[in-house]
C-alpha atoms as a PDB file:
ATOM      1  CA  MET A   1      45.717   0.169  10.517  1.00  0.00           C
ATOM      2  CA  LYS A   2      44.080   1.669  13.548  1.00  0.00           C
ATOM      3  CA  ILE A   3      43.344  -0.719  16.383  1.00  0.00           C
ATOM      4  CA  ALA A   4      41.266   1.741  18.435  1.00  0.00           C
ATOM      5  CA  PRO A   5      37.891   0.739  16.852  1.00  0.00           C
ATOM      6  CA  ILE A   6      38.580  -2.907  17.688  1.00  0.00           C
ATOM      7  CA  VAL A   7      39.580  -2.212  21.274  1.00  0.00           C
ATOM      8  CA  ASP A   8      37.072   0.580  21.936  1.00  0.00           C
ATOM      9  CA  PRO A   9      33.817   0.255  19.918  1.00  0.00           C
ATOM     10  CA  HIS A  10      32.849   3.850  20.781  1.00  0.00           C
ATOM     11  CA  ALA A  11      35.822   5.134  18.721  1.00  0.00           C
ATOM     12  CA  ARG A  12      34.266   3.658  15.580  1.00  0.00           C
ATOM     13  CA  ARG A  13      32.733   5.829  12.894  1.00  0.00           C
ATOM     14  CA  PRO A  14      28.933   5.599  12.682  1.00  0.00           C
ATOM     15  CA  SER A  15      27.569   2.988  10.326  1.00  0.00           C
ATOM     16  CA  PRO A  16      26.129   4.202   7.020  1.00  0.00           C
ATOM     17  CA  LYS A  17      22.368   4.272   6.652  1.00  0.00           C
ATOM     18  CA  PRO A  18      20.881   1.386   4.678  1.00  0.00           C
ATOM     19  CA  MET A  19      20.274   2.084   1.001  1.00  0.00           C
ATOM     20  CA  GLN A  20      16.738   2.111  -0.246  1.00  0.00           C
ATOM     21  CA  VAL A  21      16.465  -0.451  -3.048  1.00  0.00           C
ATOM     22  CA  ASP A  22      13.579  -1.686  -5.132  1.00  0.00           C
ATOM     23  CA  LEU A  23      13.554  -5.444  -4.595  1.00  0.00           C
ATOM     24  CA  ARG A  24      10.681  -5.844  -7.028  1.00  0.00           C
ATOM     25  CA  LYS A  25      12.991  -5.094  -9.988  1.00  0.00           C
ATOM     26  CA  ALA A  26      15.541  -7.673  -8.843  1.00  0.00           C
ATOM     27  CA  PHE A  27      12.874 -10.332  -8.213  1.00  0.00           C
ATOM     28  CA  ILE A  28      11.183  -9.692 -11.571  1.00  0.00           C
ATOM     29  CA  LEU A  29      14.510  -9.903 -13.413  1.00  0.00           C
ATOM     30  CA  GLY A  30      15.398 -13.175 -11.697  1.00  0.00           C
ATOM     31  CA  THR A  31      11.969 -14.668 -12.328  1.00  0.00           C
ATOM     32  CA  VAL A  32      12.111 -13.678 -16.014  1.00  0.00           C
ATOM     33  CA  LEU A  33      15.534 -15.300 -16.380  1.00  0.00           C
ATOM     34  CA  TRP A  34      14.303 -18.497 -14.697  1.00  0.00           C
ATOM     35  CA  THR A  35      11.251 -18.490 -16.989  1.00  0.00           C
ATOM     36  CA  ILE A  36      13.422 -18.162 -20.103  1.00  0.00           C
ATOM     37  CA  ALA A  37      15.610 -21.014 -18.868  1.00  0.00           C
ATOM     38  CA  LEU A  38      12.473 -23.073 -18.182  1.00  0.00           C
ATOM     39  CA  VAL A  39      11.180 -22.573 -21.729  1.00  0.00           C
ATOM     40  CA  VAL A  40      14.565 -23.518 -23.200  1.00  0.00           C
ATOM     41  CA  CYS A  41      14.776 -26.643 -21.027  1.00  0.00           C
ATOM     42  CA  ILE A  42      11.228 -27.700 -21.926  1.00  0.00           C
ATOM     43  CA  CYS A  43      12.030 -27.300 -25.632  1.00  0.00           C
ATOM     44  CA  TRP A  44      15.210 -29.361 -25.362  1.00  0.00           C
ATOM     45  CA  TRP A  45      13.406 -31.957 -23.252  1.00  0.00           C
ATOM     46  CA  GLN A  46      10.724 -32.325 -25.945  1.00  0.00           C
ATOM     47  CA  PHE A  47      13.432 -32.823 -28.597  1.00  0.00           C
ATOM     48  CA  GLY A  48      14.542 -36.003 -26.865  1.00  0.00           C
ATOM     49  CA  HIS A  49      17.280 -34.959 -24.447  1.00  0.00           C
ATOM     50  CA  ASN A  50      15.599 -36.662 -21.535  1.00  0.00           C
ATOM     51  CA  LEU A  51      18.126 -37.271 -18.804  1.00  0.00           C
ATOM     52  CA  TRP A  52      19.674 -33.882 -18.022  1.00  0.00           C
ATOM     53  CA  PHE A  53      16.920 -31.583 -19.254  1.00  0.00           C
ATOM     54  CA  ARG A  54      14.216 -33.267 -17.180  1.00  0.00           C
ATOM     55  CA  THR A  55      16.165 -32.375 -14.031  1.00  0.00           C
ATOM     56  CA  ALA A  56      16.990 -28.910 -15.357  1.00  0.00           C
ATOM     57  CA  THR A  57      13.291 -28.320 -16.091  1.00  0.00           C
ATOM     58  CA  LEU A  58      12.405 -29.098 -12.481  1.00  0.00           C
ATOM     59  CA  ILE A  59      15.148 -26.797 -11.199  1.00  0.00           C
ATOM     60  CA  CYS A  60      13.961 -23.952 -13.442  1.00  0.00           C
ATOM     61  CA  ALA A  61      10.346 -24.535 -12.409  1.00  0.00           C
ATOM     62  CA  PHE A  62      11.343 -24.248  -8.742  1.00  0.00           C
ATOM     63  CA  GLY A  63      13.259 -21.068  -9.584  1.00  0.00           C
ATOM     64  CA  VAL A  64      10.123 -19.559 -11.124  1.00  0.00           C
ATOM     65  CA  VAL A  65       7.974 -20.600  -8.146  1.00  0.00           C
ATOM     66  CA  ILE A  66      10.459 -19.148  -5.654  1.00  0.00           C
ATOM     67  CA  GLY A  67      10.622 -15.930  -7.683  1.00  0.00           C
ATOM     68  CA  LEU A  68       6.853 -15.603  -7.643  1.00  0.00           C
ATOM     69  CA  LEU A  69       6.760 -16.251  -3.892  1.00  0.00           C
ATOM     70  CA  LEU A  70       9.393 -13.552  -3.389  1.00  0.00           C
ATOM     71  CA  LEU A  71       7.280 -11.114  -5.403  1.00  0.00           C
ATOM     72  CA  VAL A  72       4.313 -11.857  -3.139  1.00  0.00           C
ATOM     73  CA  TRP A  73       6.515 -11.383  -0.067  1.00  0.00           C
ATOM     74  CA  GLU A  74       7.840  -8.090  -1.461  1.00  0.00           C
ATOM     75  CA  PHE A  75       4.311  -6.852  -2.068  1.00  0.00           C
ATOM     76  CA  PHE A  76       3.261  -7.406   1.539  1.00  0.00           C
ATOM     77  CA  ASP A  77       6.518  -6.265   3.209  1.00  0.00           C
ATOM     78  CA  ARG A  78       7.303  -3.308   0.947  1.00  0.00           C
ATOM     79  CA  SER A  79       6.374  -0.684   3.527  1.00  0.00           C
ATOM     80  CA  ASP A  80       8.660  -2.226   6.174  1.00  0.00           C
ATOM     81  CA  TYR A  81      11.905  -2.119   4.231  1.00  0.00           C
ATOM     82  CA  ARG A  82      11.112   1.243   2.636  1.00  0.00           C
ATOM     83  CA  ARG A  83      10.555   2.669   6.110  1.00  0.00           C
ATOM     84  CA  LEU A  84      13.947   1.298   7.223  1.00  0.00           C
ATOM     85  CA  GLY A  85      15.700   2.886   4.240  1.00  0.00           C
ATOM     86  CA  LYS A  86      14.684   6.423   5.183  1.00  0.00           C
END
């Protein structure tokens, strides 16, 4: 193990450039998964499993809301992180 980069930061190799990723795909996938979980929890809650599935339904609903907010954020900040990836 070389100690030179730790002692002298100028001896370090240059950092790699950031990868350009499409956050929209990741946010849509996560939101879809939370929505599927929400539908399943609502169905089980309606079948009489009240205690655990009521809490799980709220958690899934918050997951969907956060996913939608992230999609809105991605829409408005898309140009910033695409510019940084070039």
